Amino acid sequence: MINILRKAGVKSSTMYAAGFASIGLSFASWLTSKSVEHAGLDRADRWGIFIGQWAPTFFALGVALRIEETQDTEVPRSKHDIREELIEAGYAEGRAPSRAGV
C-alpha cells in the first residue's frame, strides 16, 4: 500500500496535513451536528469520534512514507568504504585494527 501511495506521488507531509485536518474536521463536525441537527449530544459525539478516528491512520501513513523517503536518500556503500570506516573507527578507539583479511 505504501508503494502505491508513493507511486501516486503522495508525500509524508501530505499525510501529516490530512491528520491535522481530520482533527479540525472532527471538531467542526461535532460542533455542526450539535448545533444544526438537534439530534442530541450523543449523535454529535458519534460524528466527532467517527471523523477523529481518521487522524491516527493518516499519521501512521505519514510515518511509513517518511521512512520510505529517507531510505531512498541513503547512498549504498561499497564493501571497501565500509571496511575503511571500520579501520578508522579502530584507530579512533586507540587500538590498531587487524589487517589479516587484506
PDB file of N, CA and C in Angstrom:
ATOM      1  N   MET A   1       0.823  -1.190   0.000  1.00  0.00           N
ATOM      2  CA  MET A   1       0.000   0.000   0.000  1.00  0.00           C
ATOM      3  C   MET A   1       0.870   1.258   0.000  1.00  0.00           C
ATOM      4  N   ILE A   2       1.953   1.230   0.765  1.00  0.00           N
ATOM      5  CA  ILE A   2       2.837   2.392   0.825  1.00  0.00           C
ATOM      6  C   ILE A   2       3.462   2.641  -0.546  1.00  0.00           C
ATOM      7  N   ASN A   3       3.840   1.574  -1.240  1.00  0.00           N
ATOM      8  CA  ASN A   3       4.417   1.739  -2.579  1.00  0.00           C
ATOM      9  C   ASN A   3       3.412   2.357  -3.548  1.00  0.00           C
ATOM     10  N   ILE A   4       2.162   1.968  -3.428  1.00  0.00           N
ATOM     11  CA  ILE A   4       1.123   2.530  -4.296  1.00  0.00           C
ATOM     12  C   ILE A   4       0.968   4.027  -4.031  1.00  0.00           C
ATOM     13  N   LEU A   5       0.965   4.397  -2.749  1.00  0.00           N
ATOM     14  CA  LEU A   5       0.861   5.823  -2.410  1.00  0.00           C
ATOM     15  C   LEU A   5       2.062   6.600  -2.927  1.00  0.00           C
ATOM     16  N   ARG A   6       3.250   6.019  -2.800  1.00  0.00           N
ATOM     17  CA  ARG A   6       4.458   6.707  -3.267  1.00  0.00           C
ATOM     18  C   ARG A   6       4.442   6.872  -4.780  1.00  0.00           C
ATOM     19  N   LYS A   7       4.008   5.827  -5.493  1.00  0.00           N
ATOM     20  CA  LYS A   7       3.944   5.915  -6.961  1.00  0.00           C
ATOM     21  C   LYS A   7       2.910   6.937  -7.405  1.00  0.00           C
ATOM     22  N   ALA A   8       1.882   7.138  -6.579  1.00  0.00           N
ATOM     23  CA  ALA A   8       0.857   8.137  -6.889  1.00  0.00           C
ATOM     24  C   ALA A   8       1.335   9.550  -6.573  1.00  0.00           C
ATOM     25  N   GLY A   9       2.515   9.670  -5.940  1.00  0.00           N
ATOM     26  CA  GLY A   9       3.080  10.981  -5.658  1.00  0.00           C
ATOM     27  C   GLY A   9       2.695  11.564  -4.309  1.00  0.00           C
ATOM     28  N   VAL A  10       2.140  10.729  -3.425  1.00  0.00           N
ATOM     29  CA  VAL A  10       1.746  11.212  -2.105  1.00  0.00           C
ATOM     30  C   VAL A  10       2.994  11.313  -1.226  1.00  0.00           C
ATOM     31  N   LYS A  11       3.158  12.429  -0.561  1.00  0.00           N
ATOM     32  CA  LYS A  11       4.304  12.672   0.324  1.00  0.00           C
ATOM     33  C   LYS A  11       3.881  12.510   1.777  1.00  0.00           C
ATOM     34  N   SER A  12       4.856  12.318   2.643  1.00  0.00           N
ATOM     35  CA  SER A  12       4.556  12.167   4.067  1.00  0.00           C
ATOM     36  C   SER A  12       3.937  13.445   4.625  1.00  0.00           C
ATOM     37  N   SER A  13       4.392  14.589   4.157  1.00  0.00           N
ATOM     38  CA  SER A  13       3.842  15.856   4.647  1.00  0.00           C
ATOM     39  C   SER A  13       2.357  15.990   4.304  1.00  0.00           C
ATOM     40  N   THR A  14       1.944  15.407   3.188  1.00  0.00           N
ATOM     41  CA  THR A  14       0.527  15.423   2.812  1.00  0.00           C
ATOM     42  C   THR A  14      -0.293  14.622   3.811  1.00  0.00           C
ATOM     43  N   MET A  15       0.238  13.481   4.214  1.00  0.00           N
ATOM     44  CA  MET A  15      -0.478  12.645   5.180  1.00  0.00           C
ATOM     45  C   MET A  15      -0.537  13.308   6.557  1.00  0.00           C
ATOM     46  N   TYR A  16       0.551  13.968   6.949  1.00  0.00           N
ATOM     47  CA  TYR A  16       0.532  14.692   8.221  1.00  0.00           C
ATOM     48  C   TYR A  16      -0.513  15.807   8.177  1.00  0.00           C
ATOM     49  N   ALA A  17      -0.577  16.521   7.071  1.00  0.00           N
ATOM     50  CA  ALA A  17      -1.576  17.589   6.922  1.00  0.00           C
ATOM     51  C   ALA A  17      -2.989  17.018   6.976  1.00  0.00           C
ATOM     52  N   ALA A  18      -3.189  15.857   6.359  1.00  0.00           N
ATOM     53  CA  ALA A  18      -4.508  15.214   6.392  1.00  0.00           C
ATOM     54  C   ALA A  18      -4.870  14.812   7.816  1.00  0.00           C
ATOM     55  N   GLY A  19      -3.884  14.389   8.605  1.00  0.00           N
ATOM     56  CA  GLY A  19      -4.139  14.040  10.001  1.00  0.00           C
ATOM     57  C   GLY A  19      -4.589  15.247  10.808  1.00  0.00           C
ATOM     58  N   PHE A  20      -3.884  16.363  10.636  1.00  0.00           N
ATOM     59  CA  PHE A  20      -4.278  17.573  11.356  1.00  0.00           C
ATOM     60  C   PHE A  20      -5.625  18.099  10.855  1.00  0.00           C
ATOM     61  N   ALA A  21      -5.873  17.996   9.565  1.00  0.00           N
ATOM     62  CA  ALA A  21      -7.169  18.423   9.020  1.00  0.00           C
ATOM     63  C   ALA A  21      -8.291  17.560   9.583  1.00  0.00           C
ATOM     64  N   SER A  22      -8.003  16.272   9.773  1.00  0.00           N
ATOM     65  CA  SER A  22      -9.005  15.372  10.340  1.00  0.00           C
ATOM     66  C   SER A  22      -9.368  15.771  11.767  1.00  0.00           C
ATOM     67  N   ILE A  23      -8.379  16.218  12.518  1.00  0.00           N
ATOM     68  CA  ILE A  23      -8.655  16.669  13.887  1.00  0.00           C
ATOM     69  C   ILE A  23      -9.562  17.902  13.846  1.00  0.00           C
ATOM     70  N   GLY A  24      -9.243  18.848  12.985  1.00  0.00           N
ATOM     71  CA  GLY A  24     -10.079  20.042  12.853  1.00  0.00           C
ATOM     72  C   GLY A  24     -11.471  19.717  12.343  1.00  0.00           C
ATOM     73  N   LEU A  25     -11.552  18.826  11.369  1.00  0.00           N
ATOM     74  CA  LEU A  25     -12.842  18.433  10.819  1.00  0.00           C
ATOM     75  C   LEU A  25     -13.681  17.688  11.860  1.00  0.00           C
ATOM     76  N   SER A  26     -13.009  16.931  12.707  1.00  0.00           N
ATOM     77  CA  SER A  26     -13.713  16.228  13.780  1.00  0.00           C
ATOM     78  C   SER A  26     -14.411  17.220  14.707  1.00  0.00           C
ATOM     79  N   PHE A  27     -13.673  18.241  15.105  1.00  0.00           N
ATOM     80  CA  PHE A  27     -14.266  19.259  15.969  1.00  0.00           C
ATOM     81  C   PHE A  27     -15.385  20.009  15.253  1.00  0.00           C
ATOM     82  N   ALA A  28     -15.155  20.353  13.991  1.00  0.00           N
ATOM     83  CA  ALA A  28     -16.166  21.091  13.231  1.00  0.00           C
ATOM     84  C   ALA A  28     -17.438  20.266  13.041  1.00  0.00           C
ATOM     85  N   SER A  29     -17.285  18.968  12.766  1.00  0.00           N
ATOM     86  CA  SER A  29     -18.475  18.131  12.575  1.00  0.00           C
ATOM     87  C   SER A  29     -19.228  17.940  13.884  1.00  0.00           C
ATOM     88  N   TRP A  30     -18.488  17.840  14.981  1.00  0.00           N
ATOM     89  CA  TRP A  30     -19.144  17.727  16.283  1.00  0.00           C
ATOM     90  C   TRP A  30     -19.947  18.989  16.578  1.00  0.00           C
ATOM     91  N   LEU A  31     -19.325  20.140  16.355  1.00  0.00           N
ATOM     92  CA  LEU A  31     -19.985  21.409  16.634  1.00  0.00           C
ATOM     93  C   LEU A  31     -21.192  21.613  15.722  1.00  0.00           C
ATOM     94  N   THR A  32     -21.034  21.288  14.451  1.00  0.00           N
ATOM     95  CA  THR A  32     -22.133  21.446  13.493  1.00  0.00           C
ATOM     96  C   THR A  32     -23.280  20.503  13.831  1.00  0.00           C
ATOM     97  N   SER A  33     -22.959  19.244  14.110  1.00  0.00           N
ATOM     98  CA  SER A  33     -24.002  18.279  14.440  1.00  0.00           C
ATOM     99  C   SER A  33     -24.731  18.667  15.719  1.00  0.00           C
ATOM    100  N   LYS A  34     -23.990  19.209  16.665  1.00  0.00           N
ATOM    101  CA  LYS A  34     -24.592  19.607  17.941  1.00  0.00           C
ATOM    102  C   LYS A  34     -25.552  20.773  17.768  1.00  0.00           C
ATOM    103  N   SER A  35     -25.177  21.719  16.912  1.00  0.00           N
ATOM    104  CA  SER A  35     -25.998  22.922  16.803  1.00  0.00           C
ATOM    105  C   SER A  35     -27.033  22.884  15.684  1.00  0.00           C
ATOM    106  N   VAL A  36     -26.813  22.109  14.634  1.00  0.00           N
ATOM    107  CA  VAL A  36     -27.716  22.133  13.488  1.00  0.00           C
ATOM    108  C   VAL A  36     -28.719  20.984  13.503  1.00  0.00           C
ATOM    109  N   GLU A  37     -28.270  19.787  13.841  1.00  0.00           N
ATOM    110  CA  GLU A  37     -29.154  18.618  13.719  1.00  0.00           C
ATOM    111  C   GLU A  37     -30.218  18.514  14.809  1.00  0.00           C
ATOM    112  N   HIS A  38     -29.964  19.039  15.954  1.00  0.00           N
ATOM    113  CA  HIS A  38     -30.892  18.940  17.082  1.00  0.00           C
ATOM    114  C   HIS A  38     -31.238  17.487  17.409  1.00  0.00           C
ATOM    115  N   ALA A  39     -30.273  16.580  17.165  1.00  0.00           N
ATOM    116  CA  ALA A  39     -30.492  15.162  17.457  1.00  0.00           C
ATOM    117  C   ALA A  39     -29.881  14.791  18.802  1.00  0.00           C
ATOM    118  N   GLY A  40     -29.333  15.734  19.473  1.00  0.00           N
ATOM    119  CA  GLY A  40     -28.768  15.466  20.789  1.00  0.00           C
ATOM    120  C   GLY A  40     -27.253  15.390  20.774  1.00  0.00           C
ATOM    121  N   LEU A  41     -26.711  15.438  21.967  1.00  0.00           N
ATOM    122  CA  LEU A  41     -25.264  15.423  22.134  1.00  0.00           C
ATOM    123  C   LEU A  41     -24.652  14.079  21.740  1.00  0.00           C
ATOM    124  N   ASP A  42     -25.397  12.987  21.928  1.00  0.00           N
ATOM    125  CA  ASP A  42     -24.865  11.668  21.591  1.00  0.00           C
ATOM    126  C   ASP A  42     -24.520  11.555  20.111  1.00  0.00           C
ATOM    127  N   ARG A  43     -25.408  12.034  19.279  1.00  0.00           N
ATOM    128  CA  ARG A  43     -25.159  11.957  17.835  1.00  0.00           C
ATOM    129  C   ARG A  43     -23.987  12.847  17.431  1.00  0.00           C
ATOM    130  N   ALA A  44     -23.878  14.006  18.022  1.00  0.00           N
ATOM    131  CA  ALA A  44     -22.751  14.901  17.741  1.00  0.00           C
ATOM    132  C   ALA A  44     -21.444  14.239  18.157  1.00  0.00           C
ATOM    133  N   ASP A  45     -21.465  13.579  19.312  1.00  0.00           N
ATOM    134  CA  ASP A  45     -20.269  12.868  19.763  1.00  0.00           C
ATOM    135  C   ASP A  45     -19.874  11.767  18.792  1.00  0.00           C
ATOM    136  N   ARG A  46     -20.860  11.039  18.283  1.00  0.00           N
ATOM    137  CA  ARG A  46     -20.557   9.960  17.327  1.00  0.00           C
ATOM    138  C   ARG A  46     -19.908  10.497  16.053  1.00  0.00           C
ATOM    139  N   TRP A  47     -20.416  11.621  15.547  1.00  0.00           N
ATOM    140  CA  TRP A  47     -19.812  12.216  14.354  1.00  0.00           C
ATOM    141  C   TRP A  47     -18.377  12.650  14.625  1.00  0.00           C
ATOM    142  N   GLY A  48     -18.158  13.294  15.751  1.00  0.00           N
ATOM    143  CA  GLY A  48     -16.812  13.751  16.097  1.00  0.00           C
ATOM    144  C   GLY A  48     -15.840  12.596  16.258  1.00  0.00           C
ATOM    145  N   ILE A  49     -16.294  11.545  16.922  1.00  0.00           N
ATOM    146  CA  ILE A  49     -15.426  10.376  17.117  1.00  0.00           C
ATOM    147  C   ILE A  49     -15.166   9.675  15.798  1.00  0.00           C
ATOM    148  N   PHE A  50     -16.190   9.538  14.952  1.00  0.00           N
ATOM    149  CA  PHE A  50     -16.022   8.855  13.663  1.00  0.00           C
ATOM    150  C   PHE A  50     -14.945   9.524  12.815  1.00  0.00           C
ATOM    151  N   ILE A  51     -15.018  10.819  12.685  1.00  0.00           N
ATOM    152  CA  ILE A  51     -14.035  11.533  11.866  1.00  0.00           C
ATOM    153  C   ILE A  51     -12.696  11.632  12.594  1.00  0.00           C
ATOM    154  N   GLY A  52     -12.725  11.728  13.912  1.00  0.00           N
ATOM    155  CA  GLY A  52     -11.492  11.797  14.689  1.00  0.00           C
ATOM    156  C   GLY A  52     -10.656  10.531  14.607  1.00  0.00           C
ATOM    157  N   GLN A  53     -11.284   9.412  14.286  1.00  0.00           N
ATOM    158  CA  GLN A  53     -10.539   8.156  14.169  1.00  0.00           C
ATOM    159  C   GLN A  53      -9.683   8.105  12.910  1.00  0.00           C
ATOM    160  N   TRP A  54      -9.894   8.995  11.989  1.00  0.00           N
ATOM    161  CA  TRP A  54      -9.074   9.000  10.774  1.00  0.00           C
ATOM    162  C   TRP A  54      -7.670   9.521  11.043  1.00  0.00           C
ATOM    163  N   ALA A  55      -7.532  10.428  12.006  1.00  0.00           N
ATOM    164  CA  ALA A  55      -6.242  11.087  12.250  1.00  0.00           C
ATOM    165  C   ALA A  55      -5.100  10.115  12.521  1.00  0.00           C
ATOM    166  N   PRO A  56      -5.243   9.117  13.411  1.00  0.00           N
ATOM    167  CA  PRO A  56      -4.117   8.206  13.640  1.00  0.00           C
ATOM    168  C   PRO A  56      -3.702   7.440  12.393  1.00  0.00           C
ATOM    169  N   THR A  57      -4.672   7.114  11.544  1.00  0.00           N
ATOM    170  CA  THR A  57      -4.348   6.409  10.306  1.00  0.00           C
ATOM    171  C   THR A  57      -3.514   7.291   9.385  1.00  0.00           C
ATOM    172  N   PHE A  58      -3.921   8.548   9.253  1.00  0.00           N
ATOM    173  CA  PHE A  58      -3.151   9.466   8.415  1.00  0.00           C
ATOM    174  C   PHE A  58      -1.741   9.677   8.967  1.00  0.00           C
ATOM    175  N   PHE A  59      -1.624   9.813  10.294  1.00  0.00           N
ATOM    176  CA  PHE A  59      -0.299   9.994  10.888  1.00  0.00           C
ATOM    177  C   PHE A  59       0.566   8.754  10.705  1.00  0.00           C
ATOM    178  N   ALA A  60      -0.015   7.565  10.854  1.00  0.00           N
ATOM    179  CA  ALA A  60       0.748   6.324  10.663  1.00  0.00           C
ATOM    180  C   ALA A  60       1.209   6.190   9.214  1.00  0.00           C
ATOM    181  N   LEU A  61       0.361   6.527   8.275  1.00  0.00           N
ATOM    182  CA  LEU A  61       0.766   6.500   6.867  1.00  0.00           C
ATOM    183  C   LEU A  61       1.857   7.532   6.600  1.00  0.00           C
ATOM    184  N   GLY A  62       1.769   8.676   7.250  1.00  0.00           N
ATOM    185  CA  GLY A  62       2.812   9.692   7.113  1.00  0.00           C
ATOM    186  C   GLY A  62       4.153   9.200   7.613  1.00  0.00           C
ATOM    187  N   VAL A  63       4.148   8.499   8.725  1.00  0.00           N
ATOM    188  CA  VAL A  63       5.396   7.946   9.265  1.00  0.00           C
ATOM    189  C   VAL A  63       5.958   6.892   8.313  1.00  0.00           C
ATOM    190  N   ALA A  64       5.106   6.012   7.810  1.00  0.00           N
ATOM    191  CA  ALA A  64       5.562   4.975   6.882  1.00  0.00           C
ATOM    192  C   ALA A  64       6.136   5.595   5.608  1.00  0.00           C
ATOM    193  N   LEU A  65       5.495   6.615   5.098  1.00  0.00           N
ATOM    194  CA  LEU A  65       6.006   7.285   3.907  1.00  0.00           C
ATOM    195  C   LEU A  65       7.319   8.004   4.196  1.00  0.00           C
ATOM    196  N   ARG A  66       7.443   8.587   5.398  1.00  0.00           N
ATOM    197  CA  ARG A  66       8.693   9.267   5.769  1.00  0.00           C
ATOM    198  C   ARG A  66       9.848   8.258   5.828  1.00  0.00           C
ATOM    199  N   ILE A  67       9.580   7.073   6.345  1.00  0.00           N
ATOM    200  CA  ILE A  67      10.616   6.034   6.389  1.00  0.00           C
ATOM    201  C   ILE A  67      11.036   5.660   4.977  1.00  0.00           C
ATOM    202  N   GLU A  68      10.081   5.501   4.094  1.00  0.00           N
ATOM    203  CA  GLU A  68      10.392   5.180   2.695  1.00  0.00           C
ATOM    204  C   GLU A  68      11.182   6.302   2.036  1.00  0.00           C
ATOM    205  N   GLU A  69      10.810   7.535   2.332  1.00  0.00           N
ATOM    206  CA  GLU A  69      11.518   8.678   1.731  1.00  0.00           C
ATOM    207  C   GLU A  69      12.969   8.740   2.203  1.00  0.00           C
ATOM    208  N   THR A  70      13.204   8.469   3.466  1.00  0.00           N
ATOM    209  CA  THR A  70      14.575   8.544   3.972  1.00  0.00           C
ATOM    210  C   THR A  70      15.409   7.367   3.502  1.00  0.00           C
ATOM    211  N   GLN A  71      14.804   6.224   3.272  1.00  0.00           N
ATOM    212  CA  GLN A  71      15.562   5.080   2.765  1.00  0.00           C
ATOM    213  C   GLN A  71      16.013   5.311   1.334  1.00  0.00           C
ATOM    214  N   ASP A  72      15.252   6.045   0.564  1.00  0.00           N
ATOM    215  CA  ASP A  72      15.629   6.329  -0.819  1.00  0.00           C
ATOM    216  C   ASP A  72      16.811   7.270  -0.911  1.00  0.00           C
ATOM    217  N   THR A  73      17.015   8.109   0.094  1.00  0.00           N
ATOM    218  CA  THR A  73      18.093   9.091   0.029  1.00  0.00           C
ATOM    219  C   THR A  73      19.430   8.520   0.488  1.00  0.00           C
ATOM    220  N   GLU A  74      19.422   7.357   1.131  1.00  0.00           N
ATOM    221  CA  GLU A  74      20.672   6.763   1.577  1.00  0.00           C
ATOM    222  C   GLU A  74      21.449   6.248   0.370  1.00  0.00           C
ATOM    223  N   VAL A  75      22.738   6.532   0.344  1.00  0.00           N
ATOM    224  CA  VAL A  75      23.596   6.109  -0.749  1.00  0.00           C
ATOM    225  C   VAL A  75      24.184   4.748  -0.401  1.00  0.00           C
ATOM    226  N   PRO A  76      24.034   3.772  -1.286  1.00  0.00           N
ATOM    227  CA  PRO A  76      24.618   2.468  -0.992  1.00  0.00           C
ATOM    228  C   PRO A  76      26.139   2.563  -0.949  1.00  0.00           C
ATOM    229  N   ARG A  77      26.717   1.923   0.057  1.00  0.00           N
ATOM    230  CA  ARG A  77      28.159   1.965   0.225  1.00  0.00           C
ATOM    231  C   ARG A  77      28.771   0.649  -0.248  1.00  0.00           C
ATOM    232  N   SER A  78      29.976   0.747  -0.749  1.00  0.00           N
ATOM    233  CA  SER A  78      30.674  -0.465  -1.181  1.00  0.00           C
ATOM    234  C   SER A  78      31.328  -1.129   0.021  1.00  0.00           C
ATOM    235  N   LYS A  79      31.738  -2.375  -0.158  1.00  0.00           N
ATOM    236  CA  LYS A  79      32.410  -3.104   0.911  1.00  0.00           C
ATOM    237  C   LYS A  79      33.720  -2.413   1.287  1.00  0.00           C
ATOM    238  N   HIS A  80      34.371  -1.815   0.319  1.00  0.00           N
ATOM    239  CA  HIS A  80      35.630  -1.123   0.586  1.00  0.00           C
ATOM    240  C   HIS A  80      35.403   0.078   1.506  1.00  0.00           C
ATOM    241  N   ASP A  81      34.340   0.846   1.253  1.00  0.00           N
ATOM    242  CA  ASP A  81      34.031   2.006   2.091  1.00  0.00           C
ATOM    243  C   ASP A  81      33.715   1.585   3.519  1.00  0.00           C
ATOM    244  N   ILE A  82      32.954   0.530   3.668  1.00  0.00           N
ATOM    245  CA  ILE A  82      32.595   0.043   4.996  1.00  0.00           C
ATOM    246  C   ILE A  82      33.843  -0.437   5.730  1.00  0.00           C
ATOM    247  N   ARG A  83      34.717  -1.151   5.026  1.00  0.00           N
ATOM    248  CA  ARG A  83      35.953  -1.665   5.622  1.00  0.00           C
ATOM    249  C   ARG A  83      36.837  -0.512   6.092  1.00  0.00           C
ATOM    250  N   GLU A  84      36.947   0.539   5.269  1.00  0.00           N
ATOM    251  CA  GLU A  84      37.760   1.693   5.650  1.00  0.00           C
ATOM    252  C   GLU A  84      37.184   2.401   6.881  1.00  0.00           C
ATOM    253  N   GLU A  85      35.863   2.499   6.964  1.00  0.00           N
ATOM    254  CA  GLU A  85      35.234   3.116   8.129  1.00  0.00           C
ATOM    255  C   GLU A  85      35.518   2.308   9.392  1.00  0.00           C
ATOM    256  N   LEU A  86      35.476   0.995   9.280  1.00  0.00           N
ATOM    257  CA  LEU A  86      35.768   0.154  10.433  1.00  0.00           C
ATOM    258  C   LEU A  86      37.224   0.314  10.874  1.00  0.00           C
ATOM    259  N   ILE A  87      38.139   0.412   9.918  1.00  0.00           N
ATOM    260  CA  ILE A  87      39.550   0.604  10.250  1.00  0.00           C
ATOM    261  C   ILE A  87      39.743   1.940  10.952  1.00  0.00           C
ATOM    262  N   GLU A  88      39.121   2.998  10.425  1.00  0.00           N
ATOM    263  CA  GLU A  88      39.229   4.316  11.047  1.00  0.00           C
ATOM    264  C   GLU A  88      38.621   4.322  12.443  1.00  0.00           C
ATOM    265  N   ALA A  89      37.529   3.607  12.635  1.00  0.00           N
ATOM    266  CA  ALA A  89      36.907   3.523  13.951  1.00  0.00           C
ATOM    267  C   ALA A  89      37.840   2.836  14.935  1.00  0.00           C
ATOM    268  N   GLY A  90      38.552   1.829  14.474  1.00  0.00           N
ATOM    269  CA  GLY A  90      39.505   1.141  15.345  1.00  0.00           C
ATOM    270  C   GLY A  90      40.617   2.058  15.790  1.00  0.00           C
ATOM    271  N   TYR A  91      41.158   2.862  14.879  1.00  0.00           N
ATOM    272  CA  TYR A  91      42.198   3.822  15.241  1.00  0.00           C
ATOM    273  C   TYR A  91      41.661   4.891  16.194  1.00  0.00           C
ATOM    274  N   ALA A  92      40.431   5.298  15.993  1.00  0.00           N
ATOM    275  CA  ALA A  92      39.843   6.326  16.849  1.00  0.00           C
ATOM    276  C   ALA A  92      39.677   5.823  18.279  1.00  0.00           C
ATOM    277  N   GLU A  93      39.491   4.515  18.449  1.00  0.00           N
ATOM    278  CA  GLU A  93      39.337   3.942  19.781  1.00  0.00           C
ATOM    279  C   GLU A  93      40.683   3.687  20.447  1.00  0.00           C
ATOM    280  N   GLY A  94      41.785   3.949  19.757  1.00  0.00           N
ATOM    281  CA  GLY A  94      43.103   3.792  20.347  1.00  0.00           C
ATOM    282  C   GLY A  94      43.693   2.411  20.186  1.00  0.00           C
ATOM    283  N   ARG A  95      43.149   1.633  19.286  1.00  0.00           N
ATOM    284  CA  ARG A  95      43.721   0.305  19.044  1.00  0.00           C
ATOM    285  C   ARG A  95      43.965   0.147  17.558  1.00  0.00           C
ATOM    286  N   ALA A  96      44.949  -0.627  17.227  1.00  0.00           N
ATOM    287  CA  ALA A  96      45.283  -0.868  15.821  1.00  0.00           C
ATOM    288  C   ALA A  96      44.413  -2.011  15.306  1.00  0.00           C
ATOM    289  N   PRO A  97      43.661  -1.792  14.223  1.00  0.00           N
ATOM    290  CA  PRO A  97      42.826  -2.871  13.689  1.00  0.00           C
ATOM    291  C   PRO A  97      43.670  -3.936  13.001  1.00  0.00           C
ATOM    292  N   SER A  98      43.117  -5.104  12.939  1.00  0.00           N
ATOM    293  CA  SER A  98      43.795  -6.223  12.277  1.00  0.00           C
ATOM    294  C   SER A  98      43.651  -6.075  10.779  1.00  0.00           C
ATOM    295  N   ARG A  99      44.741  -6.345  10.081  1.00  0.00           N
ATOM    296  CA  ARG A  99      44.711  -6.317   8.621  1.00  0.00           C
ATOM    297  C   ARG A  99      44.872  -7.730   8.071  1.00  0.00           C
ATOM    298  N   ALA A 100      44.382  -8.695   8.826  1.00  0.00           N
ATOM    299  CA  ALA A 100      44.551 -10.097   8.435  1.00  0.00           C
ATOM    300  C   ALA A 100      43.801 -10.415   7.147  1.00  0.00           C
ATOM    301  N   GLY A 101      42.703  -9.744   6.888  1.00  0.00           N
ATOM    302  CA  GLY A 101      41.912 -10.032   5.704  1.00  0.00           C
ATOM    303  C   GLY A 101      42.396  -9.313   4.455  1.00  0.00           C
ATOM    304  N   VAL A 102      43.513  -8.567   4.545  1.00  0.00           N
ATOM    305  CA  VAL A 102      43.983  -7.764   3.418  1.00  0.00           C
ATOM    306  C   VAL A 102      44.729  -8.621   2.432  1.00  0.00           C
TER     307      VAL A 102
END
